[in-house]
C-alpha atoms as a PDB file:
ATOM      1  CA  MET A   1       5.877  -0.787  12.662  1.00  0.00           C
ATOM      2  CA  ARG A   2       3.224   0.046  15.678  1.00  0.00           C
ATOM      3  CA  THR A   3       0.779   2.791  15.129  1.00  0.00           C
ATOM      4  CA  THR A   4      -2.331   3.654  16.930  1.00  0.00           C
ATOM      5  CA  ILE A   5      -5.117   5.100  14.714  1.00  0.00           C
ATOM      6  CA  ASN A   6      -8.775   5.685  15.250  1.00  0.00           C
ATOM      7  CA  VAL A   7     -11.071   3.974  12.969  1.00  0.00           C
ATOM      8  CA  LYS A   8     -15.026   3.807  12.787  1.00  0.00           C
ATOM      9  CA  ASP A   9     -16.163   0.554  13.964  1.00  0.00           C
ATOM     10  CA  GLU A  10     -18.432   0.093  11.045  1.00  0.00           C
ATOM     11  CA  LEU A  11     -15.700   0.846   8.544  1.00  0.00           C
ATOM     12  CA  PHE A  12     -13.532  -1.829  10.154  1.00  0.00           C
ATOM     13  CA  GLU A  13     -16.072  -4.466   9.958  1.00  0.00           C
ATOM     14  CA  HIS A  14     -16.479  -3.709   6.314  1.00  0.00           C
ATOM     15  CA  LEU A  15     -12.758  -3.931   5.876  1.00  0.00           C
ATOM     16  CA  LEU A  16     -12.580  -7.313   7.620  1.00  0.00           C
ATOM     17  CA  THR A  17     -15.452  -8.769   5.603  1.00  0.00           C
ATOM     18  CA  PHE A  18     -14.160  -7.437   2.191  1.00  0.00           C
ATOM     19  CA  THR A  19     -10.480  -8.573   2.894  1.00  0.00           C
ATOM     20  CA  GLY A  20     -11.536 -11.915   4.375  1.00  0.00           C
ATOM     21  CA  ALA A  21      -8.623 -11.329   7.056  1.00  0.00           C
ATOM     22  CA  ARG A  22      -8.819 -12.947  10.370  1.00  0.00           C
ATOM     23  CA  THR A  23      -7.149 -10.060  12.331  1.00  0.00           C
ATOM     24  CA  LYS A  24      -7.340  -6.331  12.147  1.00  0.00           C
ATOM     25  CA  THR A  25      -3.622  -6.244  11.275  1.00  0.00           C
ATOM     26  CA  ALA A  26      -4.030  -8.520   8.395  1.00  0.00           C
ATOM     27  CA  ALA A  27      -6.951  -6.460   7.076  1.00  0.00           C
ATOM     28  CA  VAL A  28      -5.228  -3.184   7.399  1.00  0.00           C
ATOM     29  CA  ASN A  29      -2.052  -4.584   5.710  1.00  0.00           C
ATOM     30  CA  ALA A  30      -4.211  -5.927   2.772  1.00  0.00           C
ATOM     31  CA  ALA A  31      -6.080  -2.821   2.481  1.00  0.00           C
ATOM     32  CA  LEU A  32      -2.888  -0.522   2.477  1.00  0.00           C
ATOM     33  CA  ALA A  33      -1.213  -2.885  -0.172  1.00  0.00           C
ATOM     34  CA  ASP A  34      -4.223  -2.727  -2.474  1.00  0.00           C
ATOM     35  CA  TYR A  35      -4.241   0.957  -2.100  1.00  0.00           C
ATOM     36  CA  VAL A  36      -0.518   1.244  -2.946  1.00  0.00           C
ATOM     37  CA  ARG A  37      -0.957  -1.097  -5.950  1.00  0.00           C
ATOM     38  CA  LEU A  38      -3.769   0.980  -7.211  1.00  0.00           C
ATOM     39  CA  LYS A  39      -1.842   4.235  -6.926  1.00  0.00           C
ATOM     40  CA  ARG A  40       1.112   2.863  -8.714  1.00  0.00           C
ATOM     41  CA  LYS A  41      -1.231   1.598 -11.563  1.00  0.00           C
ATOM     42  CA  GLU A  42      -2.629   5.088 -11.673  1.00  0.00           C
ATOM     43  CA  GLU A  43       0.777   6.674 -12.026  1.00  0.00           C
ATOM     44  CA  LEU A  44       1.528   4.169 -14.744  1.00  0.00           C
ATOM     45  CA  ILE A  45      -1.498   4.933 -16.636  1.00  0.00           C
ATOM     46  CA  GLN A  46      -0.800   8.706 -16.536  1.00  0.00           C
ATOM     47  CA  THR A  47       2.464   8.018 -18.377  1.00  0.00           C
ATOM     48  CA  ARG A  48       0.428   6.927 -21.336  1.00  0.00           C
ATOM     49  CA  GLY A  49       1.380   8.658 -24.399  1.00  0.00           C
ATOM     50  CA  ARG A  50       4.509  10.251 -22.901  1.00  0.00           C
ATOM     51  CA  ILE A  51       6.763   7.253 -23.158  1.00  0.00           C
ATOM     52  CA  GLN A  52       8.282   6.065 -26.472  1.00  0.00           C
ATOM     53  CA  VAL A  53       8.232   2.226 -26.590  1.00  0.00           C
ATOM     54  CA  LYS A  54       9.454   0.382 -29.802  1.00  0.00           C
ATOM     55  CA  GLU A  55       7.860  -2.646 -30.936  1.00  0.00           C
ATOM     56  CA  ASN A  56      10.683  -5.082 -30.567  1.00  0.00           C
ATOM     57  CA  TRP A  57       9.299  -7.770 -28.598  1.00  0.00           C
ATOM     58  CA  ARG A  58      10.436 -10.584 -31.083  1.00  0.00           C
ATOM     59  CA  LYS A  59      14.195  -9.303 -30.356  1.00  0.00           C
ATOM     60  CA  LEU A  60      13.566  -9.012 -26.662  1.00  0.00           C
ATOM     61  CA  ARG A  61      12.081 -12.769 -26.752  1.00  0.00           C
ATOM     62  CA  GLU A  62      15.200 -13.976 -28.588  1.00  0.00           C
ATOM     63  CA  MET A  63      17.454 -12.223 -26.034  1.00  0.00           C
ATOM     64  CA  GLU A  64      15.570 -14.034 -23.015  1.00  0.00           C
ATOM     65  CA  LYS A  65      16.052 -17.445 -24.858  1.00  0.00           C
ATOM     66  CA  HIS A  66      19.855 -16.968 -25.104  1.00  0.00           C
ATOM     67  CA  GLU A  67      20.007 -15.902 -21.530  1.00  0.00           C
ATOM     68  CA  ARG A  68      18.740 -19.229 -20.231  1.00  0.00           C
END
């Protein structure tokens, strides 16, 4: 999707440096992907203590072995 945005030159230079991207498009895509990943991680952390999880990893491991 094409979008026109105004970004401070200095901020963009930092973004290009930190991402190691060769193009502005690649730098913005990398930054957006990292931001979305961070927000998803924060949402997951917020569920801590609200979800009941049974400790049955051995049973799940056995089920995975039988599926192969």
